[in-house]
Amino acid sequence: MAGKFELYKDKAGEYRFRLKAGNGEIILASEGYKQKASAENGIESVRKNAAMDGRFERKTASSGQPMFNLKASNGQVIGTSETYSSEAAR
């Protein structure tokens, strides 16, 4: 089963999206957007930029676990991953 995007409104009334793997695990979570159309543009940006390895900023969380940010061509973070158990899992 392929991954899918989930668009939702958070408790603060902002739109957010998540990219979930086929097994339901969250791969990427967005920031909050005031407008639904802006969140939808964010989803399209993920689709476009995720195909380029150079757009992934591989990092280590404060917990010491690997994670990543996906960035747009302008350097803005589109989404942030969950933490992973190892670099290979990331």
N, C-alpha and C. Protein backbone atom coordinates (compact mmCIF):
# COMPACT_ATOMS: atom_id res chain seq x y z
N MET A 1 0.84 -1.18 0.00
CA MET A 1 0.00 0.00 0.00
C MET A 1 0.88 1.24 0.00
N ALA A 2 0.60 2.19 -0.85
CA ALA A 2 1.39 3.41 -0.98
C ALA A 2 1.08 4.39 0.15
N GLY A 3 1.98 5.34 0.34
CA GLY A 3 1.76 6.37 1.33
C GLY A 3 0.64 7.30 0.91
N LYS A 4 0.12 8.06 1.89
CA LYS A 4 -0.95 9.00 1.57
C LYS A 4 -0.83 10.23 2.46
N PHE A 5 -1.37 11.32 1.97
CA PHE A 5 -1.40 12.57 2.72
C PHE A 5 -2.71 12.66 3.50
N GLU A 6 -2.60 13.18 4.70
CA GLU A 6 -3.75 13.41 5.55
C GLU A 6 -3.77 14.90 5.88
N LEU A 7 -4.80 15.61 5.45
CA LEU A 7 -4.95 17.04 5.69
C LEU A 7 -5.97 17.21 6.80
N TYR A 8 -5.65 18.01 7.81
CA TYR A 8 -6.55 18.18 8.95
C TYR A 8 -6.41 19.57 9.56
N LYS A 9 -7.35 19.92 10.41
CA LYS A 9 -7.32 21.18 11.15
C LYS A 9 -6.94 20.86 12.59
N ASP A 10 -5.95 21.57 13.12
CA ASP A 10 -5.51 21.29 14.49
C ASP A 10 -6.37 22.04 15.51
N LYS A 11 -6.06 21.87 16.79
CA LYS A 11 -6.84 22.49 17.86
C LYS A 11 -6.81 24.01 17.82
N ALA A 12 -5.75 24.57 17.26
CA ALA A 12 -5.61 26.03 17.15
C ALA A 12 -6.32 26.57 15.91
N GLY A 13 -6.93 25.69 15.13
CA GLY A 13 -7.65 26.12 13.93
C GLY A 13 -6.78 26.25 12.69
N GLU A 14 -5.54 25.78 12.76
CA GLU A 14 -4.66 25.84 11.60
C GLU A 14 -4.71 24.52 10.84
N TYR A 15 -4.45 24.61 9.54
CA TYR A 15 -4.40 23.42 8.69
C TYR A 15 -3.01 22.84 8.72
N ARG A 16 -2.94 21.53 8.80
CA ARG A 16 -1.68 20.80 8.79
C ARG A 16 -1.85 19.57 7.91
N PHE A 17 -0.73 19.01 7.50
CA PHE A 17 -0.81 17.74 6.79
C PHE A 17 0.27 16.81 7.30
N ARG A 18 0.00 15.53 7.12
CA ARG A 18 0.95 14.48 7.45
C ARG A 18 1.06 13.58 6.24
N LEU A 19 2.22 13.05 6.02
CA LEU A 19 2.43 12.01 5.03
C LEU A 19 2.59 10.72 5.80
N LYS A 20 1.70 9.76 5.53
CA LYS A 20 1.73 8.48 6.23
C LYS A 20 2.15 7.38 5.28
N ALA A 21 2.97 6.47 5.79
CA ALA A 21 3.38 5.29 5.02
C ALA A 21 2.21 4.33 4.92
N GLY A 22 2.34 3.35 4.07
CA GLY A 22 1.30 2.35 3.88
C GLY A 22 0.92 1.62 5.16
N ASN A 23 1.85 1.55 6.12
CA ASN A 23 1.58 0.87 7.38
C ASN A 23 0.99 1.81 8.43
N GLY A 24 0.72 3.07 8.04
CA GLY A 24 0.12 4.03 8.96
C GLY A 24 1.11 4.88 9.73
N GLU A 25 2.41 4.56 9.65
CA GLU A 25 3.43 5.35 10.34
C GLU A 25 3.54 6.73 9.70
N ILE A 26 3.70 7.75 10.52
CA ILE A 26 3.88 9.12 10.02
C ILE A 26 5.31 9.28 9.54
N ILE A 27 5.45 9.68 8.29
CA ILE A 27 6.77 9.91 7.70
C ILE A 27 7.17 11.37 7.86
N LEU A 28 6.21 12.28 7.67
CA LEU A 28 6.50 13.70 7.62
C LEU A 28 5.29 14.46 8.14
N ALA A 29 5.52 15.52 8.91
CA ALA A 29 4.46 16.38 9.42
C ALA A 29 4.78 17.83 9.07
N SER A 30 3.75 18.59 8.72
CA SER A 30 3.95 19.97 8.30
C SER A 30 3.82 20.95 9.47
N GLU A 31 4.12 22.19 9.18
CA GLU A 31 3.84 23.29 10.09
C GLU A 31 2.36 23.63 9.96
N GLY A 32 1.88 24.58 10.74
CA GLY A 32 0.50 25.02 10.64
C GLY A 32 0.33 26.09 9.58
N TYR A 33 -0.79 26.04 8.87
CA TYR A 33 -1.13 27.02 7.84
C TYR A 33 -2.48 27.64 8.17
N LYS A 34 -2.62 28.93 7.95
CA LYS A 34 -3.89 29.63 8.21
C LYS A 34 -4.95 29.25 7.19
N GLN A 35 -4.55 29.03 5.96
CA GLN A 35 -5.47 28.74 4.87
C GLN A 35 -5.32 27.30 4.38
N LYS A 36 -6.43 26.66 4.07
CA LYS A 36 -6.41 25.30 3.55
C LYS A 36 -5.62 25.23 2.25
N ALA A 37 -5.78 26.23 1.39
CA ALA A 37 -5.08 26.24 0.11
C ALA A 37 -3.57 26.27 0.30
N SER A 38 -3.10 26.93 1.35
CA SER A 38 -1.66 26.97 1.63
C SER A 38 -1.15 25.59 2.04
N ALA A 39 -1.93 24.87 2.83
CA ALA A 39 -1.56 23.50 3.22
C ALA A 39 -1.55 22.60 1.99
N GLU A 40 -2.52 22.78 1.10
CA GLU A 40 -2.56 21.98 -0.14
C GLU A 40 -1.34 22.28 -1.01
N ASN A 41 -0.92 23.55 -1.04
CA ASN A 41 0.31 23.90 -1.77
C ASN A 41 1.52 23.24 -1.14
N GLY A 42 1.51 23.12 0.20
CA GLY A 42 2.58 22.43 0.90
C GLY A 42 2.66 20.96 0.50
N ILE A 43 1.51 20.32 0.35
CA ILE A 43 1.47 18.92 -0.09
C ILE A 43 2.08 18.79 -1.48
N GLU A 44 1.74 19.69 -2.37
CA GLU A 44 2.30 19.66 -3.72
C GLU A 44 3.81 19.89 -3.69
N SER A 45 4.25 20.74 -2.78
CA SER A 45 5.68 21.00 -2.65
C SER A 45 6.41 19.75 -2.16
N VAL A 46 5.80 19.00 -1.26
CA VAL A 46 6.40 17.73 -0.81
C VAL A 46 6.52 16.79 -1.99
N ARG A 47 5.46 16.67 -2.77
CA ARG A 47 5.50 15.76 -3.93
C ARG A 47 6.63 16.13 -4.88
N LYS A 48 6.82 17.41 -5.09
CA LYS A 48 7.84 17.89 -6.02
C LYS A 48 9.25 17.72 -5.45
N ASN A 49 9.45 18.14 -4.21
CA ASN A 49 10.80 18.19 -3.64
C ASN A 49 11.30 16.86 -3.08
N ALA A 50 10.40 15.96 -2.73
CA ALA A 50 10.81 14.67 -2.16
C ALA A 50 11.57 13.81 -3.16
N ALA A 51 11.44 14.11 -4.43
CA ALA A 51 12.14 13.34 -5.47
C ALA A 51 13.62 13.72 -5.56
N MET A 52 14.02 14.78 -4.85
CA MET A 52 15.40 15.28 -4.93
C MET A 52 16.13 15.05 -3.61
N ASP A 53 17.12 14.19 -3.63
CA ASP A 53 17.85 13.85 -2.41
C ASP A 53 18.44 15.07 -1.72
N GLY A 54 18.87 16.04 -2.49
CA GLY A 54 19.49 17.24 -1.92
C GLY A 54 18.55 18.11 -1.11
N ARG A 55 17.27 17.84 -1.19
CA ARG A 55 16.27 18.63 -0.44
C ARG A 55 16.09 18.10 1.00
N PHE A 56 16.71 16.96 1.29
CA PHE A 56 16.58 16.37 2.62
C PHE A 56 17.74 16.83 3.50
N GLU A 57 17.39 17.43 4.62
CA GLU A 57 18.38 17.82 5.62
C GLU A 57 18.36 16.74 6.70
N ARG A 58 19.38 15.92 6.71
CA ARG A 58 19.47 14.82 7.68
C ARG A 58 20.05 15.36 8.98
N LYS A 59 19.31 15.14 10.07
CA LYS A 59 19.68 15.73 11.34
C LYS A 59 19.60 14.68 12.46
N THR A 60 20.04 15.10 13.64
CA THR A 60 19.90 14.30 14.84
C THR A 60 19.06 15.10 15.82
N ALA A 61 18.01 14.51 16.33
CA ALA A 61 17.14 15.17 17.30
C ALA A 61 17.86 15.32 18.63
N SER A 62 17.32 16.13 19.51
CA SER A 62 17.93 16.32 20.84
C SER A 62 18.01 15.01 21.62
N SER A 63 17.16 14.05 21.26
CA SER A 63 17.18 12.73 21.90
C SER A 63 18.33 11.85 21.39
N GLY A 64 19.03 12.34 20.33
CA GLY A 64 20.11 11.57 19.73
C GLY A 64 19.66 10.68 18.59
N GLN A 65 18.36 10.67 18.30
CA GLN A 65 17.83 9.82 17.24
C GLN A 65 17.84 10.57 15.90
N PRO A 66 18.07 9.84 14.81
CA PRO A 66 18.06 10.44 13.47
C PRO A 66 16.67 10.92 13.08
N MET A 67 16.63 12.00 12.30
CA MET A 67 15.39 12.54 11.75
C MET A 67 15.77 13.37 10.53
N PHE A 68 14.79 13.97 9.86
CA PHE A 68 15.11 14.81 8.72
C PHE A 68 14.08 15.92 8.55
N ASN A 69 14.51 16.96 7.85
CA ASN A 69 13.63 18.01 7.36
C ASN A 69 13.64 17.93 5.84
N LEU A 70 12.49 18.16 5.23
CA LEU A 70 12.41 18.28 3.78
C LEU A 70 12.29 19.77 3.49
N LYS A 71 13.16 20.27 2.63
CA LYS A 71 13.19 21.70 2.33
C LYS A 71 12.81 21.98 0.88
N ALA A 72 12.19 23.12 0.66
CA ALA A 72 11.86 23.60 -0.68
C ALA A 72 13.11 24.21 -1.31
N SER A 73 13.03 24.58 -2.57
CA SER A 73 14.18 25.15 -3.28
C SER A 73 14.66 26.45 -2.64
N ASN A 74 13.77 27.17 -1.92
CA ASN A 74 14.15 28.42 -1.26
C ASN A 74 14.74 28.18 0.13
N GLY A 75 14.87 26.91 0.53
CA GLY A 75 15.45 26.58 1.82
C GLY A 75 14.45 26.49 2.97
N GLN A 76 13.19 26.82 2.70
CA GLN A 76 12.17 26.76 3.74
C GLN A 76 11.80 25.31 4.03
N VAL A 77 11.66 24.99 5.31
CA VAL A 77 11.27 23.64 5.72
C VAL A 77 9.80 23.41 5.36
N ILE A 78 9.55 22.35 4.59
CA ILE A 78 8.19 21.97 4.20
C ILE A 78 7.59 21.05 5.25
N GLY A 79 8.42 20.15 5.76
CA GLY A 79 7.95 19.19 6.75
C GLY A 79 9.11 18.59 7.51
N THR A 80 8.78 18.04 8.67
CA THR A 80 9.75 17.43 9.57
C THR A 80 9.35 15.99 9.84
N SER A 81 10.32 15.12 9.84
CA SER A 81 10.04 13.70 10.09
C SER A 81 9.89 13.42 11.58
N GLU A 82 9.41 12.24 11.86
CA GLU A 82 9.43 11.70 13.20
C GLU A 82 10.87 11.26 13.44
N THR A 83 11.21 10.85 14.64
CA THR A 83 12.55 10.33 14.90
C THR A 83 12.58 8.85 14.56
N TYR A 84 13.76 8.38 14.21
CA TYR A 84 13.96 6.99 13.81
C TYR A 84 14.91 6.30 14.77
N SER A 85 14.85 4.98 14.78
CA SER A 85 15.69 4.19 15.70
C SER A 85 17.14 4.11 15.24
N SER A 86 17.38 4.35 13.95
CA SER A 86 18.74 4.28 13.42
C SER A 86 18.83 5.11 12.14
N GLU A 87 20.05 5.38 11.71
CA GLU A 87 20.23 6.12 10.46
C GLU A 87 19.71 5.31 9.28
N ALA A 88 19.88 4.00 9.33
CA ALA A 88 19.37 3.14 8.25
C ALA A 88 17.85 3.20 8.16
N ALA A 89 17.18 3.29 9.30
CA ALA A 89 15.71 3.38 9.31
C ALA A 89 15.24 4.73 8.80
N ARG A 90 16.04 5.78 9.01
CA ARG A 90 15.70 7.11 8.54
C ARG A 90 15.64 7.10 7.03
